[in-house]
Structures are given as structure tokens and as C-alpha cells.
Amino acid sequence: MKKTIIIAISILSLALIGLAFASGHGWRPSTEERVAHITSEIAERLDLSDAQKMTLDGIAEDILEERRQMIADRKAFKSSLVEMLSQESLTAQELTGLFETKKPAIETVLQMAAEHLAEFHGMLTPEQRSLLVAEMESHDGRRCRFFH
């Protein structure tokens, strides 16, 4: 009986340790590291010139800065939402009002994305555009092809 309990505890311990390591709580690259990797892959695959690389790096930095602002805004939004949810009563109209405050930020991000994509497209040569289109067509939607 004791032997069975010891074996069961050992197996359970090994399973828990395996789950802890398999759960993905290990080191992961920071957002800045992932962006740097993606931009270098894009630059390499499209054979960008130094001037084009500088433009791409500028676009990436703008996106990272906007992301930082979005994170700060998200924390404030979450705080407001939690405060509303802690009240005794809550109406759909109150929630809609809170959600409406997010629309200008979303519109800003969409505008910025359109401007940067047009800027990126405008700096590419016809050959680079063809390569970009081929990369995008081969993208399977599950993972960024620039990581392969």
C-alpha cells in the first residue's frame, strides 16, 4: 500500500512538473525583440536598401510607441470597467458610453496603419512589391511567415 502511494505521488509530481514547463511560462522575447526580428526578416527577404530599412525601422518605432499608449489606455479602461462592475446596478447604456470612449483610439490606430502601409508600399520597388505579395499569399494565417 505504501509503495503504491509513493509511486502515485511520484508520477503525479512528475506530471505537475511537466505541465509547469509545458505551460509556456518560460522566457519569451519582448515585443521590441519580436518587432526587431520581424523587421530584419522583412528587410532581408525583400532585400531593402539602407534608406528603406531606416524607413521601416521608423514605422516599427511608431507602431511600438502607439502600442505603449494603447497599453496605458487599456489599463485605464479596465479600471473604469471594474469600477462600473462593482456597482449595485449597471445599465447597457452606461457600458455603451464607456465603450464609445474607445472609438477615437481605434480610429487613430486604423488611420496610422493605413498611412504606414501606404508609406511602406510607396518605398518599394516593383520587384519588392512582387516579393511582398508572394509572401503574403503564402501566409497561412496561423503564424507570421517572417518567422520561418
Foldseek 3Di string as FASTA:
>chain_A
DVVVVVVVVVVVVVVVVVCVVPVPPDDDDDPVVVLVLLLVLLCVQLVPDPVLSVLSVVLSVVVVVLVVVVVVVVVVLVVVVVVQVPDPDHDPVVVVVSVVVCVVSVVVVVVSVVVSVVVNVVVGDPSSVVSVVVLVVPDPPPDRPSVD
